[in-house]
Amino acid sequence: MSLFDLAGRTAQGVKLSREAWFSRVARLFDRVSVGEEVWGELEELLILADVGVATTTKLIEKVKQQVNVGKLAEGSQIRSVLKSEMVKLLKVNTGESRASELSNSVPQVILVVGVNGSGKTTSIAKLAYSFVGGDKRVILAAADTFRAGAIDQLKWWGKEVGAEVIAHQPGGDPGAVVFDALQAARTRHAQVVIIDTAGRLHTKFNLMEELKKIKRVAAKCDAAAPHRVLLVIDAVTGQNGLAQAKYFTEAVGITGIFLAKLDGTAKGGIVLAICDELGIPIDYIGSGEKVEDMAVFDAETFVEAIFSC
């Protein structure tokens, strides 16, 4: 499977969710006509898939409106409306200028944050691998100076994916690491800098303040940096990921989410809840353990994957 096989990677990531819940959602509409009982079954399945009560209610109401306006009765028609409304919900407005801003910024600086155990370092490796595969020179900033072994782990991944790592000693100043990494990126003409940070509980004030400092250091080197702030969320944590995202957004302004370990949960409906309740786009999904197991998130591809049999 190619690194850039979007449909294949997405299907791999949602396999458990499709088999557990969304295939059952699709089959609800195999019948010729849809009665009132179907809406109750649909609500139950979506909530069980971790779409969340609020998002489920909103989604079903929108589908019902379309059904009433169009006077739709056939199951296949209503299923198409449901899929269409899901796509709309997943297409969070990210701002039309973001792509052009990034293309004009060299190096592109990506700050990656998340709680311990979310899969942050592996997700960084996947990102670096995808950029290197696109013929970009990548520098990884080992700004997780707190956790024992974090620097060595990032160095190992750097060798694996072909990215240079800028690191200081354990216990050092993360801001100094970031400053050196950005200076190195300019002198060595790197196109991308990915900043690793210490995994932290989103409720720890001092650690969140450290993240703000790292962001300020990056801005001193480039007023527009960091150009992206990615929050890595472990898909297995489900609704708890929403609370994480709210705290991190308040602290450092999350621009997008890397939803890791999506292949490890049957509750992929969290994707819908994140986009709806937080208004933050999902940029990437993790679809397996290998470094190439990731995909750029695409709403249409995701919806088709969870409904395919």
C-alpha atoms as a PDB file:
ATOM      1  CA  MET A   1       0.000   0.000   0.000  1.00  0.00           C
ATOM      2  CA  SER A   2       1.418   3.373  -1.018  1.00  0.00           C
ATOM      3  CA  LEU A   3       2.118   6.100   1.520  1.00  0.00           C
ATOM      4  CA  PHE A   4      -0.143   8.353  -0.502  1.00  0.00           C
ATOM      5  CA  ASP A   5      -2.990   5.827  -0.865  1.00  0.00           C
ATOM      6  CA  LEU A   6      -5.505   8.014   0.961  1.00  0.00           C
ATOM      7  CA  ALA A   7      -8.500   5.706   0.535  1.00  0.00           C
ATOM      8  CA  GLY A   8      -6.534   2.606   1.526  1.00  0.00           C
ATOM      9  CA  ARG A   9      -4.986   4.183   4.627  1.00  0.00           C
ATOM     10  CA  THR A  10      -8.320   5.625   5.736  1.00  0.00           C
ATOM     11  CA  ALA A  11     -10.101   2.293   5.249  1.00  0.00           C
ATOM     12  CA  GLN A  12      -7.360   0.632   7.311  1.00  0.00           C
ATOM     13  CA  GLY A  13      -7.853   3.163  10.092  1.00  0.00           C
ATOM     14  CA  VAL A  14     -11.630   2.820  10.355  1.00  0.00           C
ATOM     15  CA  LYS A  15     -11.884  -0.940   9.898  1.00  0.00           C
ATOM     16  CA  LEU A  16     -12.922  -1.671  13.496  1.00  0.00           C
ATOM     17  CA  SER A  17     -15.374   1.231  13.617  1.00  0.00           C
ATOM     18  CA  ARG A  18     -16.961   0.176  10.351  1.00  0.00           C
ATOM     19  CA  GLU A  19     -17.343  -3.437  11.384  1.00  0.00           C
ATOM     20  CA  ALA A  20     -18.675  -2.672  14.871  1.00  0.00           C
ATOM     21  CA  TRP A  21     -21.081   0.192  14.252  1.00  0.00           C
ATOM     22  CA  PHE A  22     -21.195   1.966  10.933  1.00  0.00           C
ATOM     23  CA  SER A  23     -21.928  -1.108   8.836  1.00  0.00           C
ATOM     24  CA  ARG A  24     -24.987  -1.506  11.058  1.00  0.00           C
ATOM     25  CA  VAL A  25     -25.862   2.150  10.471  1.00  0.00           C
ATOM     26  CA  ALA A  26     -25.652   1.571   6.725  1.00  0.00           C
ATOM     27  CA  ARG A  27     -27.870  -1.508   6.910  1.00  0.00           C
ATOM     28  CA  LEU A  28     -30.595   0.454   8.699  1.00  0.00           C
ATOM     29  CA  PHE A  29     -31.386   1.993   5.337  1.00  0.00           C
ATOM     30  CA  ASP A  30     -31.378  -1.181   3.262  1.00  0.00           C
ATOM     31  CA  ARG A  31     -35.147  -1.341   3.646  1.00  0.00           C
ATOM     32  CA  VAL A  32     -37.450   0.160   1.032  1.00  0.00           C
ATOM     33  CA  SER A  33     -39.161   2.554   3.434  1.00  0.00           C
ATOM     34  CA  VAL A  34     -37.919   4.031   6.698  1.00  0.00           C
ATOM     35  CA  GLY A  35     -40.188   4.151   9.723  1.00  0.00           C
ATOM     36  CA  GLU A  36     -39.918   6.133  12.941  1.00  0.00           C
ATOM     37  CA  GLU A  37     -38.196   3.268  14.740  1.00  0.00           C
ATOM     38  CA  VAL A  38     -35.151   3.657  12.480  1.00  0.00           C
ATOM     39  CA  TRP A  39     -34.328   7.065  13.946  1.00  0.00           C
ATOM     40  CA  GLY A  40     -34.155   5.602  17.435  1.00  0.00           C
ATOM     41  CA  GLU A  41     -31.869   2.812  16.249  1.00  0.00           C
ATOM     42  CA  LEU A  42     -29.695   5.319  14.385  1.00  0.00           C
ATOM     43  CA  GLU A  43     -29.366   7.478  17.491  1.00  0.00           C
ATOM     44  CA  GLU A  44     -28.320   4.503  19.614  1.00  0.00           C
ATOM     45  CA  LEU A  45     -25.701   3.290  17.124  1.00  0.00           C
ATOM     46  CA  LEU A  46     -24.137   6.725  16.673  1.00  0.00           C
ATOM     47  CA  ILE A  47     -23.854   7.279  20.424  1.00  0.00           C
ATOM     48  CA  LEU A  48     -22.315   3.833  20.871  1.00  0.00           C
ATOM     49  CA  ALA A  49     -19.786   4.754  18.154  1.00  0.00           C
ATOM     50  CA  ASP A  50     -18.731   7.739  20.318  1.00  0.00           C
ATOM     51  CA  VAL A  51     -20.278  10.429  18.157  1.00  0.00           C
ATOM     52  CA  GLY A  52     -21.635  11.915  21.372  1.00  0.00           C
ATOM     53  CA  VAL A  53     -25.172  12.877  22.360  1.00  0.00           C
ATOM     54  CA  ALA A  54     -25.020  16.520  21.252  1.00  0.00           C
ATOM     55  CA  THR A  55     -23.501  15.794  17.847  1.00  0.00           C
ATOM     56  CA  THR A  56     -25.788  12.812  17.271  1.00  0.00           C
ATOM     57  CA  THR A  57     -28.879  14.905  18.017  1.00  0.00           C
ATOM     58  CA  LYS A  58     -27.725  17.663  15.697  1.00  0.00           C
ATOM     59  CA  LEU A  59     -26.875  15.251  12.905  1.00  0.00           C
ATOM     60  CA  ILE A  60     -30.191  13.396  13.025  1.00  0.00           C
ATOM     61  CA  GLU A  61     -32.163  16.658  13.085  1.00  0.00           C
ATOM     62  CA  LYS A  62     -30.360  17.863   9.967  1.00  0.00           C
ATOM     63  CA  VAL A  63     -31.043  14.593   8.179  1.00  0.00           C
ATOM     64  CA  LYS A  64     -34.725  14.707   9.146  1.00  0.00           C
ATOM     65  CA  GLN A  65     -34.995  18.257   7.810  1.00  0.00           C
ATOM     66  CA  GLN A  66     -33.567  17.194   4.467  1.00  0.00           C
ATOM     67  CA  VAL A  67     -35.854  14.174   4.369  1.00  0.00           C
ATOM     68  CA  ASN A  68     -38.947  16.300   5.051  1.00  0.00           C
ATOM     69  CA  VAL A  69     -38.030  19.020   2.573  1.00  0.00           C
ATOM     70  CA  GLY A  70     -37.272  16.516  -0.176  1.00  0.00           C
ATOM     71  CA  LYS A  71     -40.173  14.239   0.808  1.00  0.00           C
ATOM     72  CA  LEU A  72     -37.762  11.311   0.801  1.00  0.00           C
ATOM     73  CA  ALA A  73     -38.994   7.871   1.773  1.00  0.00           C
ATOM     74  CA  GLU A  74     -36.597   5.318   0.308  1.00  0.00           C
ATOM     75  CA  GLY A  75     -33.859   4.022   2.570  1.00  0.00           C
ATOM     76  CA  SER A  76     -31.107   4.528  -0.009  1.00  0.00           C
ATOM     77  CA  GLN A  77     -32.063   8.188  -0.394  1.00  0.00           C
ATOM     78  CA  ILE A  78     -31.974   8.806   3.349  1.00  0.00           C
ATOM     79  CA  ARG A  79     -28.627   7.013   3.684  1.00  0.00           C
ATOM     80  CA  SER A  80     -27.209   9.356   1.028  1.00  0.00           C
ATOM     81  CA  VAL A  81     -28.488  12.364   2.987  1.00  0.00           C
ATOM     82  CA  LEU A  82     -26.908  11.030   6.187  1.00  0.00           C
ATOM     83  CA  LYS A  83     -23.553  10.609   4.462  1.00  0.00           C
ATOM     84  CA  SER A  84     -23.798  14.093   2.968  1.00  0.00           C
ATOM     85  CA  GLU A  85     -24.569  15.675   6.352  1.00  0.00           C
ATOM     86  CA  MET A  86     -21.648  13.825   7.928  1.00  0.00           C
ATOM     87  CA  VAL A  87     -19.307  15.214   5.286  1.00  0.00           C
ATOM     88  CA  LYS A  88     -20.582  18.745   5.943  1.00  0.00           C
ATOM     89  CA  LEU A  89     -20.036  18.320   9.666  1.00  0.00           C
ATOM     90  CA  LEU A  90     -16.469  17.086   9.129  1.00  0.00           C
ATOM     91  CA  LYS A  91     -15.523  19.962   6.857  1.00  0.00           C
ATOM     92  CA  VAL A  92     -14.463  22.361   9.566  1.00  0.00           C
ATOM     93  CA  ASN A  93     -13.519  25.796   8.255  1.00  0.00           C
ATOM     94  CA  THR A  94      -9.736  25.936   8.525  1.00  0.00           C
ATOM     95  CA  GLY A  95      -9.336  29.298   6.787  1.00  0.00           C
ATOM     96  CA  GLU A  96      -8.650  29.532   3.083  1.00  0.00           C
ATOM     97  CA  SER A  97      -5.320  31.336   3.546  1.00  0.00           C
ATOM     98  CA  ARG A  98      -3.586  28.666   5.627  1.00  0.00           C
ATOM     99  CA  ALA A  99      -2.176  26.698   2.687  1.00  0.00           C
ATOM    100  CA  SER A 100      -0.717  29.765   1.015  1.00  0.00           C
ATOM    101  CA  GLU A 101       0.739  31.022   4.288  1.00  0.00           C
ATOM    102  CA  LEU A 102       2.525  27.736   4.838  1.00  0.00           C
ATOM    103  CA  SER A 103       3.887  27.582   1.311  1.00  0.00           C
ATOM    104  CA  ASN A 104       5.484  31.010   1.746  1.00  0.00           C
ATOM    105  CA  SER A 105       7.037  30.178   5.137  1.00  0.00           C
ATOM    106  CA  VAL A 106      10.445  28.525   5.119  1.00  0.00           C
ATOM    107  CA  PRO A 107      10.934  26.660   7.277  1.00  0.00           C
ATOM    108  CA  GLN A 108       7.399  25.580   8.064  1.00  0.00           C
ATOM    109  CA  VAL A 109       7.286  25.215  11.855  1.00  0.00           C
ATOM    110  CA  ILE A 110       4.956  22.617  13.347  1.00  0.00           C
ATOM    111  CA  LEU A 111       4.525  22.489  17.126  1.00  0.00           C
ATOM    112  CA  VAL A 112       3.229  19.103  18.293  1.00  0.00           C
ATOM    113  CA  VAL A 113       1.574  18.730  21.696  1.00  0.00           C
ATOM    114  CA  GLY A 114      -0.374  16.101  23.592  1.00  0.00           C
ATOM    115  CA  VAL A 115      -0.707  14.156  26.816  1.00  0.00           C
ATOM    116  CA  ASN A 116       1.535  11.270  27.817  1.00  0.00           C
ATOM    117  CA  GLY A 117       0.758   8.040  26.002  1.00  0.00           C
ATOM    118  CA  SER A 118      -1.151   9.671  23.160  1.00  0.00           C
ATOM    119  CA  GLY A 119       1.292   8.436  20.520  1.00  0.00           C
ATOM    120  CA  LYS A 120       2.846  11.868  20.032  1.00  0.00           C
ATOM    121  CA  THR A 121       6.428  10.852  19.223  1.00  0.00           C
ATOM    122  CA  THR A 122       5.370   8.132  16.797  1.00  0.00           C
ATOM    123  CA  SER A 123       2.988  10.567  15.112  1.00  0.00           C
ATOM    124  CA  ILE A 124       5.860  13.037  14.725  1.00  0.00           C
ATOM    125  CA  ALA A 125       7.892  10.293  13.059  1.00  0.00           C
ATOM    126  CA  LYS A 126       5.029   9.600  10.670  1.00  0.00           C
ATOM    127  CA  LEU A 127       4.756  13.280   9.807  1.00  0.00           C
ATOM    128  CA  ALA A 128       8.497  13.544   9.223  1.00  0.00           C
ATOM    129  CA  TYR A 129       8.431  10.434   7.055  1.00  0.00           C
ATOM    130  CA  SER A 130       5.670  11.884   4.889  1.00  0.00           C
ATOM    131  CA  PHE A 131       7.547  15.180   4.430  1.00  0.00           C
ATOM    132  CA  VAL A 132      10.838  13.430   3.642  1.00  0.00           C
ATOM    133  CA  GLY A 133       8.934  11.300   1.134  1.00  0.00           C
ATOM    134  CA  GLY A 134       7.874  14.560  -0.498  1.00  0.00           C
ATOM    135  CA  ASP A 135      11.546  15.561  -0.945  1.00  0.00           C
ATOM    136  CA  LYS A 136      11.593  18.012   1.938  1.00  0.00           C
ATOM    137  CA  ARG A 137      14.471  18.421   4.374  1.00  0.00           C
ATOM    138  CA  VAL A 138      13.115  17.968   7.906  1.00  0.00           C
ATOM    139  CA  ILE A 139      14.564  18.921  11.279  1.00  0.00           C
ATOM    140  CA  LEU A 140      13.129  17.519  14.494  1.00  0.00           C
ATOM    141  CA  ALA A 141      13.492  19.624  17.649  1.00  0.00           C
ATOM    142  CA  ALA A 142      13.818  17.439  20.744  1.00  0.00           C
ATOM    143  CA  ALA A 143      12.100  19.874  23.107  1.00  0.00           C
ATOM    144  CA  ASP A 144      10.865  17.060  25.341  1.00  0.00           C
ATOM    145  CA  THR A 145      13.756  17.389  27.771  1.00  0.00           C
ATOM    146  CA  PHE A 146      11.670  16.225  30.723  1.00  0.00           C
ATOM    147  CA  ARG A 147      10.914  12.558  30.056  1.00  0.00           C
ATOM    148  CA  ALA A 148      13.764  10.085  30.452  1.00  0.00           C
ATOM    149  CA  GLY A 149      14.666   8.593  27.104  1.00  0.00           C
ATOM    150  CA  ALA A 150      12.580  11.015  25.040  1.00  0.00           C
ATOM    151  CA  ILE A 151      15.613  12.548  23.308  1.00  0.00           C
ATOM    152  CA  ASP A 152      17.081   9.154  22.426  1.00  0.00           C
ATOM    153  CA  GLN A 153      13.705   8.004  21.162  1.00  0.00           C
ATOM    154  CA  LEU A 154      13.407  10.989  18.829  1.00  0.00           C
ATOM    155  CA  LYS A 155      16.989  10.527  17.624  1.00  0.00           C
ATOM    156  CA  TRP A 156      16.191   6.909  16.783  1.00  0.00           C
ATOM    157  CA  TRP A 157      13.136   7.927  14.806  1.00  0.00           C
ATOM    158  CA  GLY A 158      15.136  10.631  13.066  1.00  0.00           C
ATOM    159  CA  LYS A 159      17.560   8.025  11.727  1.00  0.00           C
ATOM    160  CA  GLU A 160      14.685   5.774  10.715  1.00  0.00           C
ATOM    161  CA  VAL A 161      12.889   8.404   8.630  1.00  0.00           C
ATOM    162  CA  GLY A 162      15.840  10.455   7.414  1.00  0.00           C
ATOM    163  CA  ALA A 163      15.329  13.604   9.495  1.00  0.00           C
ATOM    164  CA  GLU A 164      17.996  15.513  11.420  1.00  0.00           C
ATOM    165  CA  VAL A 165      17.462  15.935  15.169  1.00  0.00           C
ATOM    166  CA  ILE A 166      18.520  18.982  17.187  1.00  0.00           C
ATOM    167  CA  ALA A 167      18.839  18.097  20.870  1.00  0.00           C
ATOM    168  CA  HIS A 168      20.359  19.282  24.154  1.00  0.00           C
ATOM    169  CA  GLN A 169      20.972  17.368  27.348  1.00  0.00           C
ATOM    170  CA  PRO A 170      18.071  15.866  29.352  1.00  0.00           C
ATOM    171  CA  GLY A 171      16.640  18.409  31.769  1.00  0.00           C
ATOM    172  CA  GLY A 172      17.701  21.326  29.584  1.00  0.00           C
ATOM    173  CA  ASP A 173      15.666  24.343  28.515  1.00  0.00           C
ATOM    174  CA  PRO A 174      13.115  23.330  25.837  1.00  0.00           C
ATOM    175  CA  GLY A 175      13.020  26.908  24.540  1.00  0.00           C
ATOM    176  CA  ALA A 176      16.761  26.830  23.844  1.00  0.00           C
ATOM    177  CA  VAL A 177      16.319  23.616  21.858  1.00  0.00           C
ATOM    178  CA  VAL A 178      13.629  25.226  19.736  1.00  0.00           C
ATOM    179  CA  PHE A 179      15.757  28.324  19.117  1.00  0.00           C
ATOM    180  CA  ASP A 180      18.733  26.215  17.994  1.00  0.00           C
ATOM    181  CA  ALA A 181      16.535  24.049  15.783  1.00  0.00           C
ATOM    182  CA  LEU A 182      15.092  27.046  13.968  1.00  0.00           C
ATOM    183  CA  GLN A 183      18.529  28.586  13.500  1.00  0.00           C
ATOM    184  CA  ALA A 184      19.821  25.274  12.150  1.00  0.00           C
ATOM    185  CA  ALA A 185      16.861  25.004   9.790  1.00  0.00           C
ATOM    186  CA  ARG A 186      17.688  28.352   8.234  1.00  0.00           C
ATOM    187  CA  THR A 187      21.403  27.749   7.817  1.00  0.00           C
ATOM    188  CA  ARG A 188      20.843  24.236   6.464  1.00  0.00           C
ATOM    189  CA  HIS A 189      17.901  25.220   4.243  1.00  0.00           C
ATOM    190  CA  ALA A 190      15.412  22.824   5.820  1.00  0.00           C
ATOM    191  CA  GLN A 191      11.809  23.198   4.689  1.00  0.00           C
ATOM    192  CA  VAL A 192      10.121  21.777   7.809  1.00  0.00           C
ATOM    193  CA  VAL A 193      10.796  21.903  11.553  1.00  0.00           C
ATOM    194  CA  ILE A 194       8.706  19.646  13.778  1.00  0.00           C
ATOM    195  CA  ILE A 195       8.905  20.426  17.496  1.00  0.00           C
ATOM    196  CA  ASP A 196       8.430  17.576  19.947  1.00  0.00           C
ATOM    197  CA  THR A 197       7.267  18.634  23.415  1.00  0.00           C
ATOM    198  CA  ALA A 198       6.965  16.918  26.766  1.00  0.00           C
ATOM    199  CA  GLY A 199       3.753  14.972  27.156  1.00  0.00           C
ATOM    200  CA  ARG A 200       1.738  16.622  29.872  1.00  0.00           C
ATOM    201  CA  LEU A 201      -1.620  16.429  31.556  1.00  0.00           C
ATOM    202  CA  HIS A 202      -3.766  19.192  30.133  1.00  0.00           C
ATOM    203  CA  THR A 203      -4.713  20.220  33.689  1.00  0.00           C
ATOM    204  CA  LYS A 204      -1.133  20.960  34.842  1.00  0.00           C
ATOM    205  CA  PHE A 205      -0.772  24.757  34.837  1.00  0.00           C
ATOM    206  CA  ASN A 206       3.028  25.004  34.978  1.00  0.00           C
ATOM    207  CA  LEU A 207       3.556  22.576  32.144  1.00  0.00           C
ATOM    208  CA  MET A 208       1.014  24.354  29.970  1.00  0.00           C
ATOM    209  CA  GLU A 209       2.830  27.620  30.674  1.00  0.00           C
ATOM    210  CA  GLU A 210       6.025  25.992  29.382  1.00  0.00           C
ATOM    211  CA  LEU A 211       4.236  25.274  26.106  1.00  0.00           C
ATOM    212  CA  LYS A 212       3.368  28.954  25.814  1.00  0.00           C
ATOM    213  CA  LYS A 213       7.036  29.805  26.311  1.00  0.00           C
ATOM    214  CA  ILE A 214       8.076  27.427  23.527  1.00  0.00           C
ATOM    215  CA  LYS A 215       5.566  29.092  21.247  1.00  0.00           C
ATOM    216  CA  ARG A 216       6.961  32.535  22.102  1.00  0.00           C
ATOM    217  CA  VAL A 217      10.521  31.400  21.354  1.00  0.00           C
ATOM    218  CA  ALA A 218       9.434  30.166  17.929  1.00  0.00           C
ATOM    219  CA  ALA A 219       7.747  33.503  17.256  1.00  0.00           C
ATOM    220  CA  LYS A 220      10.978  35.385  18.018  1.00  0.00           C
ATOM    221  CA  CYS A 221      12.650  33.546  15.146  1.00  0.00           C
ATOM    222  CA  ASP A 222       9.672  33.982  12.810  1.00  0.00           C
ATOM    223  CA  ALA A 223       6.717  36.144  13.771  1.00  0.00           C
ATOM    224  CA  ALA A 224       4.348  33.711  12.044  1.00  0.00           C
ATOM    225  CA  ALA A 225       5.756  30.647  13.802  1.00  0.00           C
ATOM    226  CA  PRO A 226       4.624  28.143  14.772  1.00  0.00           C
ATOM    227  CA  HIS A 227       2.647  27.953  11.556  1.00  0.00           C
ATOM    228  CA  ARG A 228       0.721  24.948  12.766  1.00  0.00           C
ATOM    229  CA  VAL A 229       0.006  23.618  16.261  1.00  0.00           C
ATOM    230  CA  LEU A 230      -0.997  19.979  16.115  1.00  0.00           C
ATOM    231  CA  LEU A 231      -2.617  18.209  19.042  1.00  0.00           C
ATOM    232  CA  VAL A 232      -2.114  14.434  19.037  1.00  0.00           C
ATOM    233  CA  ILE A 233      -5.146  12.664  20.486  1.00  0.00           C
ATOM    234  CA  ASP A 234      -5.312   8.936  21.136  1.00  0.00           C
ATOM    235  CA  ALA A 235      -8.557   7.885  19.428  1.00  0.00           C
ATOM    236  CA  VAL A 236      -8.985   5.124  21.999  1.00  0.00           C
ATOM    237  CA  THR A 237      -9.559   7.726  24.748  1.00  0.00           C
ATOM    238  CA  GLY A 238     -12.778   8.787  23.045  1.00  0.00           C
ATOM    239  CA  GLN A 239     -14.712  11.642  24.605  1.00  0.00           C
ATOM    240  CA  ASN A 240     -11.855  12.432  27.015  1.00  0.00           C
ATOM    241  CA  GLY A 241      -9.991  13.727  23.984  1.00  0.00           C
ATOM    242  CA  LEU A 242     -12.494  16.580  23.739  1.00  0.00           C
ATOM    243  CA  ALA A 243     -11.505  17.856  27.183  1.00  0.00           C
ATOM    244  CA  GLN A 244      -7.823  17.635  26.262  1.00  0.00           C
ATOM    245  CA  ALA A 245      -8.382  19.641  23.098  1.00  0.00           C
ATOM    246  CA  LYS A 246     -10.230  22.414  24.936  1.00  0.00           C
ATOM    247  CA  TYR A 247      -7.393  22.951  27.426  1.00  0.00           C
ATOM    248  CA  PHE A 248      -4.644  22.837  24.813  1.00  0.00           C
ATOM    249  CA  THR A 249      -6.538  25.219  22.535  1.00  0.00           C
ATOM    250  CA  GLU A 250      -6.839  27.738  25.347  1.00  0.00           C
ATOM    251  CA  ALA A 251      -3.108  27.484  26.046  1.00  0.00           C
ATOM    252  CA  VAL A 252      -1.505  27.447  22.602  1.00  0.00           C
ATOM    253  CA  GLY A 253      -4.244  27.735  19.983  1.00  0.00           C
ATOM    254  CA  ILE A 254      -4.542  24.318  18.343  1.00  0.00           C
ATOM    255  CA  THR A 255      -4.847  24.588  14.550  1.00  0.00           C
ATOM    256  CA  GLY A 256      -5.384  20.906  13.793  1.00  0.00           C
ATOM    257  CA  ILE A 257      -5.521  17.408  15.243  1.00  0.00           C
ATOM    258  CA  PHE A 258      -3.555  14.265  14.539  1.00  0.00           C
ATOM    259  CA  LEU A 259      -5.927  11.492  15.603  1.00  0.00           C
ATOM    260  CA  ALA A 260      -3.581   8.644  16.483  1.00  0.00           C
ATOM    261  CA  LYS A 261      -4.397   4.939  16.921  1.00  0.00           C
ATOM    262  CA  LEU A 262      -7.697   5.232  15.049  1.00  0.00           C
ATOM    263  CA  ASP A 263      -7.176   1.668  13.878  1.00  0.00           C
ATOM    264  CA  GLY A 264      -7.194   0.516  17.517  1.00  0.00           C
ATOM    265  CA  THR A 265     -10.719   1.604  18.392  1.00  0.00           C
ATOM    266  CA  ALA A 266     -14.214   0.661  17.253  1.00  0.00           C
ATOM    267  CA  LYS A 267     -15.441   4.110  18.302  1.00  0.00           C
ATOM    268  CA  GLY A 268     -14.266   6.200  15.366  1.00  0.00           C
ATOM    269  CA  GLY A 269     -17.339   8.389  15.714  1.00  0.00           C
ATOM    270  CA  ILE A 270     -15.161  10.602  17.916  1.00  0.00           C
ATOM    271  CA  VAL A 271     -14.020  12.168  14.632  1.00  0.00           C
ATOM    272  CA  LEU A 272     -17.486  13.674  14.178  1.00  0.00           C
ATOM    273  CA  ALA A 273     -17.661  14.874  17.782  1.00  0.00           C
ATOM    274  CA  ILE A 274     -14.272  16.609  17.566  1.00  0.00           C
ATOM    275  CA  CYS A 275     -15.156  18.541  14.429  1.00  0.00           C
ATOM    276  CA  ASP A 276     -18.623  19.475  15.631  1.00  0.00           C
ATOM    277  CA  GLU A 277     -18.002  20.351  19.285  1.00  0.00           C
ATOM    278  CA  LEU A 278     -14.562  21.925  18.963  1.00  0.00           C
ATOM    279  CA  GLY A 279     -14.558  23.387  15.476  1.00  0.00           C
ATOM    280  CA  ILE A 280     -10.963  22.143  15.070  1.00  0.00           C
ATOM    281  CA  PRO A 281     -10.078  20.296  11.870  1.00  0.00           C
ATOM    282  CA  ILE A 282      -8.599  16.816  11.902  1.00  0.00           C
ATOM    283  CA  ASP A 283      -5.491  17.056   9.726  1.00  0.00           C
ATOM    284  CA  TYR A 284      -4.182  13.491   9.958  1.00  0.00           C
ATOM    285  CA  ILE A 285      -5.240  10.069  11.163  1.00  0.00           C
ATOM    286  CA  GLY A 286      -3.006   7.244  12.363  1.00  0.00           C
ATOM    287  CA  SER A 287      -3.974   3.982  10.690  1.00  0.00           C
ATOM    288  CA  GLY A 288      -1.463   1.488  12.107  1.00  0.00           C
ATOM    289  CA  GLU A 289       1.846   0.970  13.895  1.00  0.00           C
ATOM    290  CA  LYS A 290       4.221   1.389  10.950  1.00  0.00           C
ATOM    291  CA  VAL A 291       5.765   4.745  10.125  1.00  0.00           C
ATOM    292  CA  GLU A 292       3.857   4.897   6.831  1.00  0.00           C
ATOM    293  CA  ASP A 293       0.529   4.144   8.514  1.00  0.00           C
ATOM    294  CA  MET A 294      -1.066   7.590   8.378  1.00  0.00           C
ATOM    295  CA  ALA A 295      -3.299   9.538   6.064  1.00  0.00           C
ATOM    296  CA  VAL A 296      -4.184  13.148   5.464  1.00  0.00           C
ATOM    297  CA  PHE A 297      -7.759  13.444   6.685  1.00  0.00           C
ATOM    298  CA  ASP A 298     -10.393  13.925   4.004  1.00  0.00           C
ATOM    299  CA  ALA A 299     -14.078  14.145   4.914  1.00  0.00           C
ATOM    300  CA  GLU A 300     -15.504  12.427   1.833  1.00  0.00           C
ATOM    301  CA  THR A 301     -12.950   9.629   1.965  1.00  0.00           C
ATOM    302  CA  PHE A 302     -13.593   9.074   5.670  1.00  0.00           C
ATOM    303  CA  VAL A 303     -17.379   8.847   5.291  1.00  0.00           C
ATOM    304  CA  GLU A 304     -17.128   6.505   2.317  1.00  0.00           C
ATOM    305  CA  ALA A 305     -14.726   4.301   4.282  1.00  0.00           C
ATOM    306  CA  ILE A 306     -16.931   3.932   7.358  1.00  0.00           C
ATOM    307  CA  PHE A 307     -19.974   3.051   5.211  1.00  0.00           C
ATOM    308  CA  SER A 308     -18.290   0.696   2.758  1.00  0.00           C
ATOM    309  CA  CYS A 309     -19.040  -2.998   3.197  1.00  0.00           C
END
